[in-house]
Amino acid sequence: MEITRTTTVAELIALAAEIPELMKMTLGGLILMANAKTQRNDGLSDQMTLSKFYEEWYLQIISKRNRQSEKTVREINTAMKYWVEYTGDPTLAEINNFTIDKFAAGLYQTKKKNGGTLSDQTVKKHLGAIAGVMAYAGPKNNQYKRATCLMAELPEFPTINKRADVNSRKSALRSKLLARQGTAGSMSIFKDAAINHHEFFLHLTAEKASSLTGKYGTIDVWKLLPNRMNHYWDVLNYATAAGSMVTLSGGTATNNPAVNAQFTRKRVNLTELQKKKNYS
């Protein structure tokens, strides 16, 4: 369902259950989105692909307005070529977090002419190029005032470094837990005794997010509430980070990447340990 000027409040509430990011939008932002969906005279649609949006609108409007250099345009063209190859170039309406993970996984497996693979820095550059184009297809904000509102929310792009971006991961987890069960990106709680679910729930609600706005936009900052335990919440956060790294390494839920671990330590029993320590 799309947000138009004929969308009722009841329909908007139902849609917000599927897309939690709508709860953060202002009334003015929703009105702009509704107007964009109801009447468009620019020829744009959420049924167009990202590559078509890039060629027909971004290059003609944003690139010229920002006076992007030939080098920058070439870099975006290269990233867009990889996007089409690894994702199949879905429509804007079909793009989600899984699409981005698929794109990132393809980048990490790209072979260079010298036989190696793309570096973390190169992967980060291509992800940033695609994110920059896609931002103009998403909701308007202070940084992207000329955004077209073709996408109700933008997908999450992975942070390319050796550590998990804790704040963004926790915000993504919140969205997954609030999403309607069975929808793309939703998360279901394990089956267990009610008492264990209650303890797990207490840990999941032990932190509160506040918005912090700076030079590069607005982010969520998570802080622990007084006298609360959050161990399960932290563990869940790092488990999802590990899952993303498995995806980026070419693995899937049932086909993890090979790990060549070697265990060289000899197993010892208590008797041998006591003799070594002269306890006997």
C-alpha atoms as a PDB file:
ATOM      1  CA  MET A   1       0.000   0.000   0.000  1.00  0.00           C
ATOM      2  CA  GLU A   2       1.255   3.475  -0.870  1.00  0.00           C
ATOM      3  CA  ILE A   3       0.669   6.738   1.001  1.00  0.00           C
ATOM      4  CA  THR A   4      -1.456   9.072  -1.096  1.00  0.00           C
ATOM      5  CA  ARG A   5      -3.790  11.957  -0.302  1.00  0.00           C
ATOM      6  CA  THR A   6      -6.673   9.459  -0.047  1.00  0.00           C
ATOM      7  CA  THR A   7      -4.933   7.275   2.580  1.00  0.00           C
ATOM      8  CA  THR A   8      -6.968   7.071   5.800  1.00  0.00           C
ATOM      9  CA  VAL A   9      -5.522   7.354   9.316  1.00  0.00           C
ATOM     10  CA  ALA A  10      -6.387   3.687   9.954  1.00  0.00           C
ATOM     11  CA  GLU A  11      -4.486   2.644   6.838  1.00  0.00           C
ATOM     12  CA  LEU A  12      -1.539   4.811   7.873  1.00  0.00           C
ATOM     13  CA  ILE A  13      -1.402   3.153  11.317  1.00  0.00           C
ATOM     14  CA  ALA A  14      -1.504  -0.311   9.717  1.00  0.00           C
ATOM     15  CA  LEU A  15       1.302   0.668   7.339  1.00  0.00           C
ATOM     16  CA  ALA A  16       3.395   2.032  10.216  1.00  0.00           C
ATOM     17  CA  ALA A  17       3.297  -1.448  11.802  1.00  0.00           C
ATOM     18  CA  GLU A  18       5.054  -2.780   8.699  1.00  0.00           C
ATOM     19  CA  ILE A  19       7.392   0.204   8.250  1.00  0.00           C
ATOM     20  CA  PRO A  20       8.430   1.453  11.743  1.00  0.00           C
ATOM     21  CA  GLU A  21      10.446   4.312  10.216  1.00  0.00           C
ATOM     22  CA  LEU A  22       7.133   6.031   9.404  1.00  0.00           C
ATOM     23  CA  MET A  23       6.687   6.656  13.137  1.00  0.00           C
ATOM     24  CA  LYS A  24       9.713   9.007  13.005  1.00  0.00           C
ATOM     25  CA  MET A  25       8.371  11.088  10.119  1.00  0.00           C
ATOM     26  CA  THR A  26       6.722  14.442  10.693  1.00  0.00           C
ATOM     27  CA  LEU A  27       3.239  15.273   9.437  1.00  0.00           C
ATOM     28  CA  GLY A  28       4.805  17.611   6.887  1.00  0.00           C
ATOM     29  CA  GLY A  29       6.991  14.801   5.588  1.00  0.00           C
ATOM     30  CA  LEU A  30       4.000  12.490   5.209  1.00  0.00           C
ATOM     31  CA  ILE A  31       2.106  15.191   3.316  1.00  0.00           C
ATOM     32  CA  LEU A  32       5.041  15.679   0.941  1.00  0.00           C
ATOM     33  CA  MET A  33       5.202  11.910   0.369  1.00  0.00           C
ATOM     34  CA  ALA A  34       1.450  11.727  -0.245  1.00  0.00           C
ATOM     35  CA  ASN A  35       1.621  14.582  -2.747  1.00  0.00           C
ATOM     36  CA  ALA A  36       4.542  12.931  -4.513  1.00  0.00           C
ATOM     37  CA  LYS A  37       2.601   9.666  -4.846  1.00  0.00           C
ATOM     38  CA  THR A  38      -0.675  11.302  -5.833  1.00  0.00           C
ATOM     39  CA  GLN A  39       0.458  13.670  -8.531  1.00  0.00           C
ATOM     40  CA  ARG A  40       3.794  13.452 -10.302  1.00  0.00           C
ATOM     41  CA  ASN A  41       4.634  15.451 -13.371  1.00  0.00           C
ATOM     42  CA  ASP A  42       8.327  14.521 -13.417  1.00  0.00           C
ATOM     43  CA  GLY A  43       7.843  11.061 -14.910  1.00  0.00           C
ATOM     44  CA  LEU A  44       9.275   9.331 -11.834  1.00  0.00           C
ATOM     45  CA  SER A  45       7.781   6.222 -10.214  1.00  0.00           C
ATOM     46  CA  ASP A  46       8.719   3.707  -7.534  1.00  0.00           C
ATOM     47  CA  GLN A  47       8.361   1.066 -10.270  1.00  0.00           C
ATOM     48  CA  MET A  48      11.484   2.336 -12.019  1.00  0.00           C
ATOM     49  CA  THR A  49      14.832   0.712 -11.276  1.00  0.00           C
ATOM     50  CA  LEU A  50      17.670   2.467  -9.479  1.00  0.00           C
ATOM     51  CA  SER A  51      19.791   2.516 -12.642  1.00  0.00           C
ATOM     52  CA  LYS A  52      16.972   4.164 -14.588  1.00  0.00           C
ATOM     53  CA  PHE A  53      16.421   6.683 -11.773  1.00  0.00           C
ATOM     54  CA  TYR A  54      20.152   7.413 -11.872  1.00  0.00           C
ATOM     55  CA  GLU A  55      20.256   7.909 -15.643  1.00  0.00           C
ATOM     56  CA  GLU A  56      17.013   9.845 -16.081  1.00  0.00           C
ATOM     57  CA  TRP A  57      16.963  12.010 -12.956  1.00  0.00           C
ATOM     58  CA  TYR A  58      20.106  11.915 -10.811  1.00  0.00           C
ATOM     59  CA  LEU A  59      22.540  12.567 -13.680  1.00  0.00           C
ATOM     60  CA  GLN A  60      20.294  15.212 -15.226  1.00  0.00           C
ATOM     61  CA  ILE A  61      19.403  17.089 -12.015  1.00  0.00           C
ATOM     62  CA  ILE A  62      21.602  16.333  -8.993  1.00  0.00           C
ATOM     63  CA  SER A  63      24.903  15.640 -10.735  1.00  0.00           C
ATOM     64  CA  LYS A  64      24.707  18.863 -12.763  1.00  0.00           C
ATOM     65  CA  ARG A  65      23.408  20.913  -9.825  1.00  0.00           C
ATOM     66  CA  ASN A  66      26.244  19.691  -7.583  1.00  0.00           C
ATOM     67  CA  ARG A  67      28.773  20.102 -10.399  1.00  0.00           C
ATOM     68  CA  GLN A  68      30.136  16.616  -9.901  1.00  0.00           C
ATOM     69  CA  SER A  69      33.487  16.004 -11.553  1.00  0.00           C
ATOM     70  CA  GLU A  70      33.989  13.513 -14.383  1.00  0.00           C
ATOM     71  CA  LYS A  71      35.933  11.303 -11.982  1.00  0.00           C
ATOM     72  CA  THR A  72      33.033  11.200  -9.505  1.00  0.00           C
ATOM     73  CA  VAL A  73      30.551  10.351 -12.264  1.00  0.00           C
ATOM     74  CA  ARG A  74      32.827   7.559 -13.518  1.00  0.00           C
ATOM     75  CA  GLU A  75      33.045   6.112 -10.001  1.00  0.00           C
ATOM     76  CA  ILE A  76      29.253   6.169  -9.617  1.00  0.00           C
ATOM     77  CA  ASN A  77      28.886   4.582 -13.074  1.00  0.00           C
ATOM     78  CA  THR A  78      31.184   1.748 -11.989  1.00  0.00           C
ATOM     79  CA  ALA A  79      29.239   1.235  -8.765  1.00  0.00           C
ATOM     80  CA  MET A  80      25.964   1.243 -10.720  1.00  0.00           C
ATOM     81  CA  LYS A  81      27.330  -1.382 -13.103  1.00  0.00           C
ATOM     82  CA  TYR A  82      28.101  -3.625 -10.133  1.00  0.00           C
ATOM     83  CA  TRP A  83      24.644  -2.876  -8.691  1.00  0.00           C
ATOM     84  CA  VAL A  84      22.900  -4.098 -11.854  1.00  0.00           C
ATOM     85  CA  GLU A  85      25.127  -7.182 -12.027  1.00  0.00           C
ATOM     86  CA  TYR A  86      24.784  -8.329  -8.427  1.00  0.00           C
ATOM     87  CA  THR A  87      21.188  -7.336  -7.585  1.00  0.00           C
ATOM     88  CA  GLY A  88      19.453  -7.723 -10.950  1.00  0.00           C
ATOM     89  CA  ASP A  89      18.418  -4.051 -10.686  1.00  0.00           C
ATOM     90  CA  PRO A  90      15.054  -4.398  -8.884  1.00  0.00           C
ATOM     91  CA  THR A  91      12.483  -1.607  -8.807  1.00  0.00           C
ATOM     92  CA  LEU A  92      12.759   1.044  -6.097  1.00  0.00           C
ATOM     93  CA  ALA A  93       9.676  -0.439  -4.415  1.00  0.00           C
ATOM     94  CA  GLU A  94      11.393  -3.848  -4.174  1.00  0.00           C
ATOM     95  CA  ILE A  95      14.701  -2.687  -2.677  1.00  0.00           C
ATOM     96  CA  ASN A  96      15.231  -3.685   0.973  1.00  0.00           C
ATOM     97  CA  ASN A  97      18.030  -4.632   3.396  1.00  0.00           C
ATOM     98  CA  PHE A  98      18.428  -8.032   1.748  1.00  0.00           C
ATOM     99  CA  THR A  99      19.088  -6.320  -1.587  1.00  0.00           C
ATOM    100  CA  ILE A 100      21.891  -4.280  -0.006  1.00  0.00           C
ATOM    101  CA  ASP A 101      23.427  -7.379   1.641  1.00  0.00           C
ATOM    102  CA  LYS A 102      23.341  -9.160  -1.727  1.00  0.00           C
ATOM    103  CA  PHE A 103      25.084  -6.208  -3.366  1.00  0.00           C
ATOM    104  CA  ALA A 104      27.760  -6.015  -0.659  1.00  0.00           C
ATOM    105  CA  ALA A 105      28.386  -9.780  -0.864  1.00  0.00           C
ATOM    106  CA  GLY A 106      28.846  -9.496  -4.635  1.00  0.00           C
ATOM    107  CA  LEU A 107      31.347  -6.659  -4.210  1.00  0.00           C
ATOM    108  CA  TYR A 108      33.450  -8.688  -1.781  1.00  0.00           C
ATOM    109  CA  GLN A 109      33.606 -11.567  -4.270  1.00  0.00           C
ATOM    110  CA  THR A 110      34.522  -9.360  -7.250  1.00  0.00           C
ATOM    111  CA  LYS A 111      37.784 -10.493  -8.842  1.00  0.00           C
ATOM    112  CA  LYS A 112      40.334  -7.888  -9.885  1.00  0.00           C
ATOM    113  CA  LYS A 113      42.557  -8.216 -12.937  1.00  0.00           C
ATOM    114  CA  ASN A 114      45.528  -9.155 -10.752  1.00  0.00           C
ATOM    115  CA  GLY A 115      43.590 -12.048  -9.261  1.00  0.00           C
ATOM    116  CA  GLY A 116      42.772 -10.459  -5.917  1.00  0.00           C
ATOM    117  CA  THR A 117      39.461  -9.140  -4.605  1.00  0.00           C
ATOM    118  CA  LEU A 118      38.234  -5.628  -3.859  1.00  0.00           C
ATOM    119  CA  SER A 119      39.590  -4.016  -0.698  1.00  0.00           C
ATOM    120  CA  ASP A 120      37.371  -2.881   2.166  1.00  0.00           C
ATOM    121  CA  GLN A 121      37.978   0.725   1.106  1.00  0.00           C
ATOM    122  CA  THR A 122      36.861   0.043  -2.476  1.00  0.00           C
ATOM    123  CA  VAL A 123      33.750  -1.818  -1.298  1.00  0.00           C
ATOM    124  CA  LYS A 124      32.959   1.080   1.023  1.00  0.00           C
ATOM    125  CA  LYS A 125      33.358   3.527  -1.889  1.00  0.00           C
ATOM    126  CA  HIS A 126      30.915   1.595  -4.111  1.00  0.00           C
ATOM    127  CA  LEU A 127      28.393   1.206  -1.277  1.00  0.00           C
ATOM    128  CA  GLY A 128      28.627   4.934  -0.575  1.00  0.00           C
ATOM    129  CA  ALA A 129      28.074   5.783  -4.240  1.00  0.00           C
ATOM    130  CA  ILE A 130      24.898   3.697  -4.406  1.00  0.00           C
ATOM    131  CA  ALA A 131      23.682   5.028  -1.039  1.00  0.00           C
ATOM    132  CA  GLY A 132      24.219   8.586  -2.286  1.00  0.00           C
ATOM    133  CA  VAL A 133      22.068   8.003  -5.378  1.00  0.00           C
ATOM    134  CA  MET A 134      19.398   6.099  -3.459  1.00  0.00           C
ATOM    135  CA  ALA A 135      19.119   8.870  -0.851  1.00  0.00           C
ATOM    136  CA  TYR A 136      17.536  11.083  -3.521  1.00  0.00           C
ATOM    137  CA  ALA A 137      14.865   8.446  -4.094  1.00  0.00           C
ATOM    138  CA  GLY A 138      13.965   8.426  -0.384  1.00  0.00           C
ATOM    139  CA  PRO A 139      12.237  10.849   2.000  1.00  0.00           C
ATOM    140  CA  LYS A 140      13.183  14.529   2.119  1.00  0.00           C
ATOM    141  CA  ASN A 141      15.322  15.763   5.015  1.00  0.00           C
ATOM    142  CA  ASN A 142      17.690  18.637   5.781  1.00  0.00           C
ATOM    143  CA  GLN A 143      20.548  16.984   3.909  1.00  0.00           C
ATOM    144  CA  TYR A 144      18.515  15.791   0.913  1.00  0.00           C
ATOM    145  CA  LYS A 145      16.010  18.560   0.313  1.00  0.00           C
ATOM    146  CA  ARG A 146      15.608  17.566  -3.356  1.00  0.00           C
ATOM    147  CA  ALA A 147      14.807  13.922  -2.549  1.00  0.00           C
ATOM    148  CA  THR A 148      11.884  12.546  -4.558  1.00  0.00           C
ATOM    149  CA  CYS A 149      10.034  10.506  -1.873  1.00  0.00           C
ATOM    150  CA  LEU A 150       9.779   7.478  -4.172  1.00  0.00           C
ATOM    151  CA  MET A 151      10.853   5.191  -1.311  1.00  0.00           C
ATOM    152  CA  ALA A 152       9.072   5.365   2.057  1.00  0.00           C
ATOM    153  CA  GLU A 153      12.282   4.365   3.852  1.00  0.00           C
ATOM    154  CA  LEU A 154      15.856   3.722   2.839  1.00  0.00           C
ATOM    155  CA  PRO A 155      17.511   0.358   3.486  1.00  0.00           C
ATOM    156  CA  GLU A 156      20.398  -0.039   5.892  1.00  0.00           C
ATOM    157  CA  PHE A 157      23.870  -0.027   4.344  1.00  0.00           C
ATOM    158  CA  PRO A 158      26.518  -2.071   6.185  1.00  0.00           C
ATOM    159  CA  THR A 159      29.356  -0.335   7.980  1.00  0.00           C
ATOM    160  CA  ILE A 160      32.631  -1.546   6.513  1.00  0.00           C
ATOM    161  CA  ASN A 161      35.063  -1.872   9.376  1.00  0.00           C
ATOM    162  CA  LYS A 162      36.293  -4.516  11.786  1.00  0.00           C
ATOM    163  CA  ARG A 163      33.844  -3.580  14.524  1.00  0.00           C
ATOM    164  CA  ALA A 164      30.058  -3.575  14.554  1.00  0.00           C
ATOM    165  CA  ASP A 165      28.367  -0.173  14.506  1.00  0.00           C
ATOM    166  CA  VAL A 166      26.489  -0.765  17.756  1.00  0.00           C
ATOM    167  CA  ASN A 167      24.014   2.123  17.538  1.00  0.00           C
ATOM    168  CA  SER A 168      22.911   1.441  13.958  1.00  0.00           C
ATOM    169  CA  ARG A 169      22.677  -2.304  14.647  1.00  0.00           C
ATOM    170  CA  LYS A 170      20.431  -1.750  17.646  1.00  0.00           C
ATOM    171  CA  SER A 171      18.202   0.621  15.663  1.00  0.00           C
ATOM    172  CA  ALA A 172      17.949  -2.004  12.906  1.00  0.00           C
ATOM    173  CA  LEU A 173      17.071  -4.653  15.503  1.00  0.00           C
ATOM    174  CA  ARG A 174      14.341  -2.415  16.880  1.00  0.00           C
ATOM    175  CA  SER A 175      12.843  -2.118  13.387  1.00  0.00           C
ATOM    176  CA  LYS A 176      12.974  -5.893  12.910  1.00  0.00           C
ATOM    177  CA  LEU A 177      11.268  -6.555  16.251  1.00  0.00           C
ATOM    178  CA  LEU A 178       8.545  -3.977  15.528  1.00  0.00           C
ATOM    179  CA  ALA A 179       7.888  -5.238  11.998  1.00  0.00           C
ATOM    180  CA  ARG A 180       4.808  -7.368  11.394  1.00  0.00           C
ATOM    181  CA  GLN A 181       5.672 -11.071  11.754  1.00  0.00           C
ATOM    182  CA  GLY A 182       6.269 -12.766   8.436  1.00  0.00           C
ATOM    183  CA  THR A 183       7.108  -9.585   6.529  1.00  0.00           C
ATOM    184  CA  ALA A 184      10.519  -8.990   4.957  1.00  0.00           C
ATOM    185  CA  GLY A 185      13.110  -8.134   7.595  1.00  0.00           C
ATOM    186  CA  SER A 186      10.936  -9.127  10.569  1.00  0.00           C
ATOM    187  CA  MET A 187      12.356 -11.079  13.507  1.00  0.00           C
ATOM    188  CA  SER A 188      10.582 -13.779  15.536  1.00  0.00           C
ATOM    189  CA  ILE A 189      11.332 -14.646  19.164  1.00  0.00           C
ATOM    190  CA  PHE A 190      12.451 -18.194  19.981  1.00  0.00           C
ATOM    191  CA  LYS A 191       9.994 -20.655  21.521  1.00  0.00           C
ATOM    192  CA  ASP A 192      10.636 -21.099  25.248  1.00  0.00           C
ATOM    193  CA  ALA A 193       9.067 -20.909  28.677  1.00  0.00           C
ATOM    194  CA  ALA A 194       7.208 -17.714  29.543  1.00  0.00           C
ATOM    195  CA  ILE A 195       9.611 -16.892  32.385  1.00  0.00           C
ATOM    196  CA  ASN A 196      12.574 -16.966  29.987  1.00  0.00           C
ATOM    197  CA  HIS A 197      10.717 -14.801  27.484  1.00  0.00           C
ATOM    198  CA  HIS A 198       9.983 -12.301  30.250  1.00  0.00           C
ATOM    199  CA  GLU A 199      13.660 -12.068  31.219  1.00  0.00           C
ATOM    200  CA  PHE A 200      14.627 -11.694  27.562  1.00  0.00           C
ATOM    201  CA  PHE A 201      12.023  -8.939  27.166  1.00  0.00           C
ATOM    202  CA  LEU A 202      13.422  -7.055  30.167  1.00  0.00           C
ATOM    203  CA  HIS A 203      16.882  -7.069  28.583  1.00  0.00           C
ATOM    204  CA  LEU A 204      15.531  -5.941  25.195  1.00  0.00           C
ATOM    205  CA  THR A 205      13.886  -2.929  26.846  1.00  0.00           C
ATOM    206  CA  ALA A 206      16.845  -2.055  29.085  1.00  0.00           C
ATOM    207  CA  GLU A 207      18.137   0.663  26.762  1.00  0.00           C
ATOM    208  CA  LYS A 208      16.578   3.795  25.296  1.00  0.00           C
ATOM    209  CA  ALA A 209      17.510   5.525  22.050  1.00  0.00           C
ATOM    210  CA  SER A 210      17.787   9.286  21.676  1.00  0.00           C
ATOM    211  CA  SER A 211      18.382  11.209  18.454  1.00  0.00           C
ATOM    212  CA  LEU A 212      21.635  13.083  17.930  1.00  0.00           C
ATOM    213  CA  THR A 213      21.861  15.516  14.997  1.00  0.00           C
ATOM    214  CA  GLY A 214      25.192  16.641  13.621  1.00  0.00           C
ATOM    215  CA  LYS A 215      26.973  17.702  10.459  1.00  0.00           C
ATOM    216  CA  TYR A 216      26.294  14.432   8.642  1.00  0.00           C
ATOM    217  CA  GLY A 217      22.695  13.886   9.662  1.00  0.00           C
ATOM    218  CA  THR A 218      20.759  12.325  12.541  1.00  0.00           C
ATOM    219  CA  ILE A 219      21.658   9.080  14.299  1.00  0.00           C
ATOM    220  CA  ASP A 220      20.291   7.095  17.235  1.00  0.00           C
ATOM    221  CA  VAL A 221      22.393   6.855  20.398  1.00  0.00           C
ATOM    222  CA  TRP A 222      21.473   3.976  22.730  1.00  0.00           C
ATOM    223  CA  LYS A 223      22.020   4.283  26.481  1.00  0.00           C
ATOM    224  CA  LEU A 224      21.404   1.852  29.323  1.00  0.00           C
ATOM    225  CA  LEU A 225      18.577   2.748  31.718  1.00  0.00           C
ATOM    226  CA  PRO A 226      19.419   2.944  35.446  1.00  0.00           C
ATOM    227  CA  ASN A 227      19.464  -0.351  37.373  1.00  0.00           C
ATOM    228  CA  ARG A 228      18.768  -2.504  34.303  1.00  0.00           C
ATOM    229  CA  MET A 229      20.542  -5.508  32.773  1.00  0.00           C
ATOM    230  CA  ASN A 230      21.102  -5.605  29.004  1.00  0.00           C
ATOM    231  CA  HIS A 231      23.300  -8.670  28.394  1.00  0.00           C
ATOM    232  CA  TYR A 232      20.842 -10.472  26.072  1.00  0.00           C
ATOM    233  CA  TRP A 233      20.260  -7.267  24.114  1.00  0.00           C
ATOM    234  CA  ASP A 234      24.010  -6.860  23.546  1.00  0.00           C
ATOM    235  CA  VAL A 235      24.431 -10.524  22.612  1.00  0.00           C
ATOM    236  CA  LEU A 236      21.563 -10.293  20.100  1.00  0.00           C
ATOM    237  CA  ASN A 237      23.161  -7.170  18.634  1.00  0.00           C
ATOM    238  CA  TYR A 238      26.512  -8.872  18.042  1.00  0.00           C
ATOM    239  CA  ALA A 239      24.828 -12.030  16.764  1.00  0.00           C
ATOM    240  CA  THR A 240      23.142 -10.044  13.987  1.00  0.00           C
ATOM    241  CA  ALA A 241      26.449  -8.306  13.252  1.00  0.00           C
ATOM    242  CA  ALA A 242      28.084 -11.738  12.914  1.00  0.00           C
ATOM    243  CA  GLY A 243      25.239 -12.834  10.636  1.00  0.00           C
ATOM    244  CA  SER A 244      25.883  -9.869   8.366  1.00  0.00           C
ATOM    245  CA  MET A 245      29.585 -10.693   8.208  1.00  0.00           C
ATOM    246  CA  VAL A 246      28.691 -14.285   7.213  1.00  0.00           C
ATOM    247  CA  THR A 247      26.614 -12.866   4.365  1.00  0.00           C
ATOM    248  CA  LEU A 248      29.394 -10.517   3.293  1.00  0.00           C
ATOM    249  CA  SER A 249      31.813 -13.478   3.315  1.00  0.00           C
ATOM    250  CA  GLY A 250      29.654 -15.409   0.876  1.00  0.00           C
ATOM    251  CA  GLY A 251      27.763 -17.596   3.334  1.00  0.00           C
ATOM    252  CA  THR A 252      24.030 -18.086   3.836  1.00  0.00           C
ATOM    253  CA  ALA A 253      21.803 -19.226   6.690  1.00  0.00           C
ATOM    254  CA  THR A 254      22.515 -22.870   5.785  1.00  0.00           C
ATOM    255  CA  ASN A 255      25.886 -22.545   4.037  1.00  0.00           C
ATOM    256  CA  ASN A 256      28.434 -20.772   6.153  1.00  0.00           C
ATOM    257  CA  PRO A 257      31.835 -19.874   4.685  1.00  0.00           C
ATOM    258  CA  ALA A 258      34.579 -22.376   5.347  1.00  0.00           C
ATOM    259  CA  VAL A 259      36.708 -21.732   8.421  1.00  0.00           C
ATOM    260  CA  ASN A 260      40.047 -23.533   8.534  1.00  0.00           C
ATOM    261  CA  ALA A 261      40.514 -23.782  12.278  1.00  0.00           C
ATOM    262  CA  GLN A 262      43.326 -25.918  13.669  1.00  0.00           C
ATOM    263  CA  PHE A 263      43.266 -27.152  17.252  1.00  0.00           C
ATOM    264  CA  THR A 264      46.791 -28.049  18.278  1.00  0.00           C
ATOM    265  CA  ARG A 265      46.471 -28.099  22.065  1.00  0.00           C
ATOM    266  CA  LYS A 266      46.604 -31.570  23.543  1.00  0.00           C
ATOM    267  CA  ARG A 267      43.714 -32.572  25.801  1.00  0.00           C
ATOM    268  CA  VAL A 268      44.878 -33.162  29.393  1.00  0.00           C
ATOM    269  CA  ASN A 269      43.074 -34.671  32.352  1.00  0.00           C
ATOM    270  CA  LEU A 270      43.166 -33.676  36.021  1.00  0.00           C
ATOM    271  CA  THR A 271      45.661 -36.419  37.016  1.00  0.00           C
ATOM    272  CA  GLU A 272      48.237 -35.295  34.464  1.00  0.00           C
ATOM    273  CA  LEU A 273      47.794 -31.692  35.536  1.00  0.00           C
ATOM    274  CA  GLN A 274      48.351 -32.597  39.193  1.00  0.00           C
ATOM    275  CA  LYS A 275      51.540 -34.524  38.359  1.00  0.00           C
ATOM    276  CA  LYS A 276      52.837 -31.584  36.311  1.00  0.00           C
ATOM    277  CA  LYS A 277      52.199 -29.234  39.243  1.00  0.00           C
ATOM    278  CA  ASN A 278      53.676 -31.724  41.747  1.00  0.00           C
ATOM    279  CA  TYR A 279      50.384 -31.923  43.627  1.00  0.00           C
ATOM    280  CA  SER A 280      50.516 -35.698  44.010  1.00  0.00           C
END
